[in-house]
Amino acid sequence: MMRVAIAFLSLLFVAGTALAQTEALLPVATTAGYGFVTLEGQTAIAPRFERVLAFSEGRAAARLDGQWGFIDTTGHWVVPPQYEQVFAYQNGYAACAKTAAGALSIGRGAR
């Protein structure tokens, strides 16, 4: 029983560490635009966006050409820019609006 508890706690620690590392990308503003750096200050995602929001659940909102979408921790679009307004992911969903009058929510699997 003790071995099972230790194995479970070890698994939780490893999973928590991996999640903390991916969420530990910090937004940075430069003259080239917005991007992300690691806690050590190394460029993780090159500045190329007009605006960004902090990572949440492995995704960050980023604006390009006046439209918002979502990128993953490598900087690839997982939801292409198509929204006028977005909010960070919470519990697997993000609130988005294509126009000021119409809002919708998208799940993690949305494209």
N, C-alpha and C. Protein backbone atom coordinates (compact mmCIF):
# COMPACT_ATOMS: atom_id res chain seq x y z
N MET A 1 0.83 -1.20 0.00
CA MET A 1 0.00 0.00 0.00
C MET A 1 0.88 1.26 0.00
N MET A 2 1.95 1.22 0.77
CA MET A 2 2.85 2.38 0.84
C MET A 2 3.49 2.64 -0.53
N ARG A 3 3.85 1.56 -1.26
CA ARG A 3 4.45 1.73 -2.58
C ARG A 3 3.47 2.39 -3.55
N VAL A 4 2.22 2.00 -3.47
CA VAL A 4 1.20 2.59 -4.34
C VAL A 4 1.05 4.07 -4.03
N ALA A 5 1.03 4.43 -2.77
CA ALA A 5 0.90 5.84 -2.38
C ALA A 5 2.10 6.64 -2.85
N ILE A 6 3.29 6.09 -2.71
CA ILE A 6 4.50 6.80 -3.15
C ILE A 6 4.50 6.95 -4.67
N ALA A 7 4.11 5.90 -5.38
CA ALA A 7 4.06 5.97 -6.84
C ALA A 7 3.04 7.01 -7.30
N PHE A 8 1.88 7.04 -6.64
CA PHE A 8 0.85 8.02 -6.99
C PHE A 8 1.33 9.45 -6.74
N LEU A 9 1.95 9.68 -5.59
CA LEU A 9 2.46 11.01 -5.28
C LEU A 9 3.57 11.42 -6.25
N SER A 10 4.41 10.48 -6.64
CA SER A 10 5.46 10.78 -7.61
C SER A 10 4.86 11.17 -8.95
N LEU A 11 3.82 10.44 -9.36
CA LEU A 11 3.15 10.76 -10.61
C LEU A 11 2.53 12.15 -10.56
N LEU A 12 1.88 12.48 -9.46
CA LEU A 12 1.30 13.81 -9.30
C LEU A 12 2.38 14.89 -9.37
N PHE A 13 3.51 14.65 -8.74
CA PHE A 13 4.60 15.62 -8.75
C PHE A 13 5.11 15.85 -10.16
N VAL A 14 5.35 14.76 -10.90
CA VAL A 14 5.85 14.88 -12.27
C VAL A 14 4.84 15.60 -13.15
N ALA A 15 3.56 15.22 -13.05
CA ALA A 15 2.52 15.88 -13.85
C ALA A 15 2.40 17.35 -13.49
N GLY A 16 2.45 17.67 -12.21
CA GLY A 16 2.36 19.06 -11.77
C GLY A 16 3.54 19.88 -12.23
N THR A 17 4.73 19.28 -12.20
CA THR A 17 5.93 19.97 -12.66
C THR A 17 5.85 20.25 -14.15
N ALA A 18 5.40 19.28 -14.93
CA ALA A 18 5.27 19.48 -16.37
C ALA A 18 4.27 20.58 -16.68
N LEU A 19 3.13 20.59 -15.99
CA LEU A 19 2.13 21.63 -16.21
C LEU A 19 2.67 22.99 -15.80
N ALA A 20 3.36 23.07 -14.68
CA ALA A 20 3.92 24.34 -14.22
C ALA A 20 4.93 24.88 -15.20
N GLN A 21 5.71 23.99 -15.84
CA GLN A 21 6.71 24.46 -16.79
C GLN A 21 6.06 25.02 -18.03
N THR A 22 4.98 24.40 -18.52
CA THR A 22 4.34 24.92 -19.72
C THR A 22 3.60 26.21 -19.43
N GLU A 23 3.05 26.36 -18.22
CA GLU A 23 2.33 27.57 -17.87
C GLU A 23 3.29 28.68 -17.46
N ALA A 24 4.56 28.35 -17.33
CA ALA A 24 5.54 29.31 -16.85
C ALA A 24 6.14 30.15 -17.98
N LEU A 25 5.45 30.27 -19.08
CA LEU A 25 5.87 31.18 -20.13
C LEU A 25 5.24 32.53 -19.84
N LEU A 26 6.08 33.53 -19.81
CA LEU A 26 5.62 34.87 -19.44
C LEU A 26 5.50 35.77 -20.66
N PRO A 27 4.42 36.54 -20.76
CA PRO A 27 4.30 37.49 -21.87
C PRO A 27 5.39 38.55 -21.80
N VAL A 28 5.86 38.97 -22.96
CA VAL A 28 6.87 40.03 -23.02
C VAL A 28 6.54 40.94 -24.20
N ALA A 29 6.72 42.24 -23.99
CA ALA A 29 6.49 43.22 -25.05
C ALA A 29 7.84 43.76 -25.52
N THR A 30 8.03 43.78 -26.83
CA THR A 30 9.25 44.33 -27.42
C THR A 30 8.84 45.27 -28.55
N THR A 31 9.82 45.89 -29.18
CA THR A 31 9.51 46.75 -30.32
C THR A 31 9.02 45.93 -31.51
N ALA A 32 9.33 44.64 -31.54
CA ALA A 32 8.88 43.75 -32.62
C ALA A 32 7.47 43.23 -32.38
N GLY A 33 6.95 43.38 -31.17
CA GLY A 33 5.62 42.89 -30.83
C GLY A 33 5.65 42.12 -29.52
N TYR A 34 4.61 41.36 -29.28
CA TYR A 34 4.50 40.56 -28.06
C TYR A 34 4.89 39.12 -28.34
N GLY A 35 5.52 38.50 -27.34
CA GLY A 35 5.90 37.10 -27.41
C GLY A 35 5.94 36.54 -26.00
N PHE A 36 6.68 35.46 -25.80
CA PHE A 36 6.77 34.82 -24.49
C PHE A 36 8.21 34.43 -24.18
N VAL A 37 8.57 34.53 -22.92
CA VAL A 37 9.88 34.11 -22.44
C VAL A 37 9.70 33.11 -21.31
N THR A 38 10.77 32.34 -21.06
CA THR A 38 10.78 31.42 -19.94
C THR A 38 11.07 32.19 -18.66
N LEU A 39 10.98 31.51 -17.54
CA LEU A 39 11.30 32.15 -16.26
C LEU A 39 12.75 32.61 -16.21
N GLU A 40 13.61 31.97 -17.01
CA GLU A 40 15.02 32.36 -17.07
C GLU A 40 15.27 33.51 -18.03
N GLY A 41 14.23 33.98 -18.72
CA GLY A 41 14.37 35.10 -19.64
C GLY A 41 14.71 34.72 -21.06
N GLN A 42 14.72 33.42 -21.36
CA GLN A 42 15.00 32.96 -22.72
C GLN A 42 13.74 33.06 -23.58
N THR A 43 13.91 33.46 -24.82
CA THR A 43 12.78 33.56 -25.73
C THR A 43 12.20 32.17 -25.97
N ALA A 44 10.92 32.01 -25.70
CA ALA A 44 10.22 30.74 -25.95
C ALA A 44 9.38 30.85 -27.22
N ILE A 45 8.70 31.98 -27.40
CA ILE A 45 7.91 32.26 -28.59
C ILE A 45 8.29 33.67 -29.03
N ALA A 46 8.87 33.76 -30.21
CA ALA A 46 9.38 35.04 -30.71
C ALA A 46 8.27 36.09 -30.76
N PRO A 47 8.59 37.33 -30.42
CA PRO A 47 7.61 38.42 -30.48
C PRO A 47 7.15 38.66 -31.92
N ARG A 48 5.87 38.47 -32.16
CA ARG A 48 5.31 38.72 -33.49
C ARG A 48 3.83 39.08 -33.43
N PHE A 49 3.28 39.12 -32.24
CA PHE A 49 1.86 39.36 -32.07
C PHE A 49 1.59 40.81 -31.67
N GLU A 50 0.37 41.29 -31.98
CA GLU A 50 -0.03 42.65 -31.59
C GLU A 50 -0.32 42.72 -30.10
N ARG A 51 -0.88 41.67 -29.55
CA ARG A 51 -1.18 41.55 -28.11
C ARG A 51 -1.23 40.09 -27.76
N VAL A 52 -1.06 39.78 -26.48
CA VAL A 52 -1.22 38.41 -25.99
C VAL A 52 -1.83 38.44 -24.60
N LEU A 53 -2.43 37.33 -24.22
CA LEU A 53 -2.85 37.10 -22.84
C LEU A 53 -1.98 35.98 -22.28
N ALA A 54 -1.88 35.89 -20.98
CA ALA A 54 -1.07 34.86 -20.35
C ALA A 54 -1.60 33.47 -20.66
N PHE A 55 -0.72 32.48 -20.61
CA PHE A 55 -1.13 31.09 -20.83
C PHE A 55 -2.07 30.62 -19.74
N SER A 56 -3.06 29.84 -20.16
CA SER A 56 -4.01 29.21 -19.25
C SER A 56 -4.39 27.88 -19.89
N GLU A 57 -4.22 26.80 -19.16
CA GLU A 57 -4.53 25.47 -19.65
C GLU A 57 -3.78 25.15 -20.94
N GLY A 58 -2.54 25.62 -21.03
CA GLY A 58 -1.69 25.30 -22.17
C GLY A 58 -1.93 26.11 -23.42
N ARG A 59 -2.77 27.13 -23.32
CA ARG A 59 -3.07 27.99 -24.47
C ARG A 59 -3.03 29.45 -24.06
N ALA A 60 -2.65 30.28 -25.01
CA ALA A 60 -2.65 31.72 -24.78
C ALA A 60 -3.37 32.39 -25.93
N ALA A 61 -4.15 33.41 -25.62
CA ALA A 61 -4.79 34.20 -26.67
C ALA A 61 -3.73 35.13 -27.26
N ALA A 62 -3.77 35.27 -28.59
CA ALA A 62 -2.83 36.15 -29.28
C ALA A 62 -3.57 36.86 -30.40
N ARG A 63 -3.23 38.13 -30.59
CA ARG A 63 -3.89 38.91 -31.65
C ARG A 63 -2.90 39.17 -32.78
N LEU A 64 -3.38 38.93 -33.99
CA LEU A 64 -2.59 39.17 -35.19
C LEU A 64 -3.51 39.73 -36.26
N ASP A 65 -3.11 40.79 -36.90
CA ASP A 65 -3.92 41.46 -37.92
C ASP A 65 -5.31 41.83 -37.40
N GLY A 66 -5.38 42.26 -36.14
CA GLY A 66 -6.62 42.74 -35.56
C GLY A 66 -7.58 41.67 -35.09
N GLN A 67 -7.23 40.40 -35.22
CA GLN A 67 -8.10 39.29 -34.83
C GLN A 67 -7.40 38.43 -33.78
N TRP A 68 -8.18 37.90 -32.83
CA TRP A 68 -7.67 37.04 -31.77
C TRP A 68 -7.85 35.58 -32.11
N GLY A 69 -6.88 34.77 -31.68
CA GLY A 69 -6.94 33.32 -31.76
C GLY A 69 -6.19 32.77 -30.56
N PHE A 70 -5.89 31.48 -30.57
CA PHE A 70 -5.17 30.86 -29.46
C PHE A 70 -3.97 30.08 -29.97
N ILE A 71 -2.85 30.21 -29.28
CA ILE A 71 -1.64 29.48 -29.61
C ILE A 71 -1.32 28.47 -28.50
N ASP A 72 -0.51 27.46 -28.86
CA ASP A 72 -0.04 26.52 -27.85
C ASP A 72 1.33 26.99 -27.35
N THR A 73 1.96 26.20 -26.52
CA THR A 73 3.23 26.62 -25.89
C THR A 73 4.40 26.61 -26.86
N THR A 74 4.18 26.15 -28.10
CA THR A 74 5.24 26.24 -29.11
C THR A 74 5.02 27.43 -30.05
N GLY A 75 3.88 28.13 -29.87
CA GLY A 75 3.59 29.29 -30.71
C GLY A 75 2.75 28.97 -31.94
N HIS A 76 2.32 27.71 -32.09
CA HIS A 76 1.48 27.34 -33.23
C HIS A 76 0.02 27.65 -32.92
N TRP A 77 -0.69 28.08 -33.96
CA TRP A 77 -2.11 28.38 -33.79
C TRP A 77 -2.88 27.08 -33.57
N VAL A 78 -3.66 27.02 -32.51
CA VAL A 78 -4.59 25.90 -32.30
C VAL A 78 -6.02 26.35 -32.59
N VAL A 79 -6.27 27.62 -32.50
CA VAL A 79 -7.52 28.25 -32.95
C VAL A 79 -7.07 29.48 -33.73
N PRO A 80 -7.22 29.46 -35.06
CA PRO A 80 -6.74 30.58 -35.87
C PRO A 80 -7.39 31.90 -35.49
N PRO A 81 -6.70 33.01 -35.74
CA PRO A 81 -7.26 34.33 -35.43
C PRO A 81 -8.54 34.57 -36.23
N GLN A 82 -9.64 34.82 -35.49
CA GLN A 82 -10.93 35.05 -36.14
C GLN A 82 -11.91 35.78 -35.23
N TYR A 83 -11.48 36.13 -34.03
CA TYR A 83 -12.38 36.72 -33.04
C TYR A 83 -12.00 38.16 -32.73
N GLU A 84 -13.02 38.96 -32.40
CA GLU A 84 -12.78 40.35 -31.99
C GLU A 84 -12.43 40.44 -30.52
N GLN A 85 -12.92 39.50 -29.72
CA GLN A 85 -12.67 39.52 -28.28
C GLN A 85 -12.59 38.09 -27.77
N VAL A 86 -11.63 37.83 -26.87
CA VAL A 86 -11.48 36.50 -26.27
C VAL A 86 -11.13 36.64 -24.79
N PHE A 87 -11.35 35.57 -24.07
CA PHE A 87 -10.96 35.48 -22.67
C PHE A 87 -10.19 34.18 -22.49
N ALA A 88 -9.35 34.12 -21.48
CA ALA A 88 -8.51 32.95 -21.25
C ALA A 88 -9.33 31.69 -21.00
N TYR A 89 -8.74 30.55 -21.34
CA TYR A 89 -9.38 29.27 -21.09
C TYR A 89 -9.57 29.04 -19.59
N GLN A 90 -10.72 28.49 -19.24
CA GLN A 90 -11.03 28.08 -17.87
C GLN A 90 -11.87 26.82 -17.96
N ASN A 91 -11.45 25.78 -17.29
CA ASN A 91 -12.18 24.52 -17.29
C ASN A 91 -12.41 23.98 -18.70
N GLY A 92 -11.43 24.17 -19.57
CA GLY A 92 -11.51 23.61 -20.92
C GLY A 92 -12.22 24.45 -21.96
N TYR A 93 -12.71 25.62 -21.59
CA TYR A 93 -13.44 26.48 -22.53
C TYR A 93 -12.92 27.91 -22.47
N ALA A 94 -13.10 28.62 -23.58
CA ALA A 94 -12.76 30.04 -23.64
C ALA A 94 -13.95 30.79 -24.23
N ALA A 95 -14.30 31.91 -23.65
CA ALA A 95 -15.36 32.76 -24.19
C ALA A 95 -14.77 33.60 -25.31
N CYS A 96 -15.48 33.67 -26.43
CA CYS A 96 -15.01 34.40 -27.60
C CYS A 96 -16.17 35.14 -28.24
N ALA A 97 -15.86 36.20 -28.95
CA ALA A 97 -16.89 36.95 -29.67
C ALA A 97 -16.36 37.33 -31.04
N LYS A 98 -17.14 37.00 -32.07
CA LYS A 98 -16.77 37.41 -33.42
C LYS A 98 -17.20 38.86 -33.68
N THR A 99 -18.27 39.29 -32.99
CA THR A 99 -18.70 40.68 -33.03
C THR A 99 -19.02 41.09 -31.61
N ALA A 100 -19.15 42.35 -31.39
CA ALA A 100 -19.46 42.83 -30.05
C ALA A 100 -20.83 42.32 -29.58
N ALA A 101 -21.71 42.02 -30.52
CA ALA A 101 -23.07 41.60 -30.15
C ALA A 101 -23.21 40.10 -29.94
N GLY A 102 -22.33 39.29 -30.55
CA GLY A 102 -22.51 37.84 -30.47
C GLY A 102 -21.34 37.13 -29.84
N ALA A 103 -21.56 36.54 -28.68
CA ALA A 103 -20.49 35.82 -28.00
C ALA A 103 -20.75 34.32 -28.09
N LEU A 104 -19.70 33.55 -28.07
CA LEU A 104 -19.80 32.10 -28.01
C LEU A 104 -18.63 31.56 -27.23
N SER A 105 -18.69 30.29 -26.90
CA SER A 105 -17.60 29.68 -26.16
C SER A 105 -17.07 28.50 -26.95
N ILE A 106 -15.77 28.31 -26.93
CA ILE A 106 -15.15 27.22 -27.66
C ILE A 106 -14.43 26.31 -26.70
N GLY A 107 -14.42 25.02 -26.99
CA GLY A 107 -13.73 24.05 -26.16
C GLY A 107 -12.30 23.86 -26.62
N ARG A 108 -11.55 23.08 -25.88
CA ARG A 108 -10.13 22.85 -26.20
C ARG A 108 -9.94 22.21 -27.57
N GLY A 109 -10.90 21.48 -28.06
CA GLY A 109 -10.75 20.81 -29.35
C GLY A 109 -11.13 21.70 -30.53
N ALA A 110 -11.54 22.91 -30.28
CA ALA A 110 -12.01 23.79 -31.36
C ALA A 110 -10.87 24.16 -32.29
N ARG A 111 -11.21 24.37 -33.53
CA ARG A 111 -10.24 24.81 -34.54
C ARG A 111 -10.73 26.10 -35.11
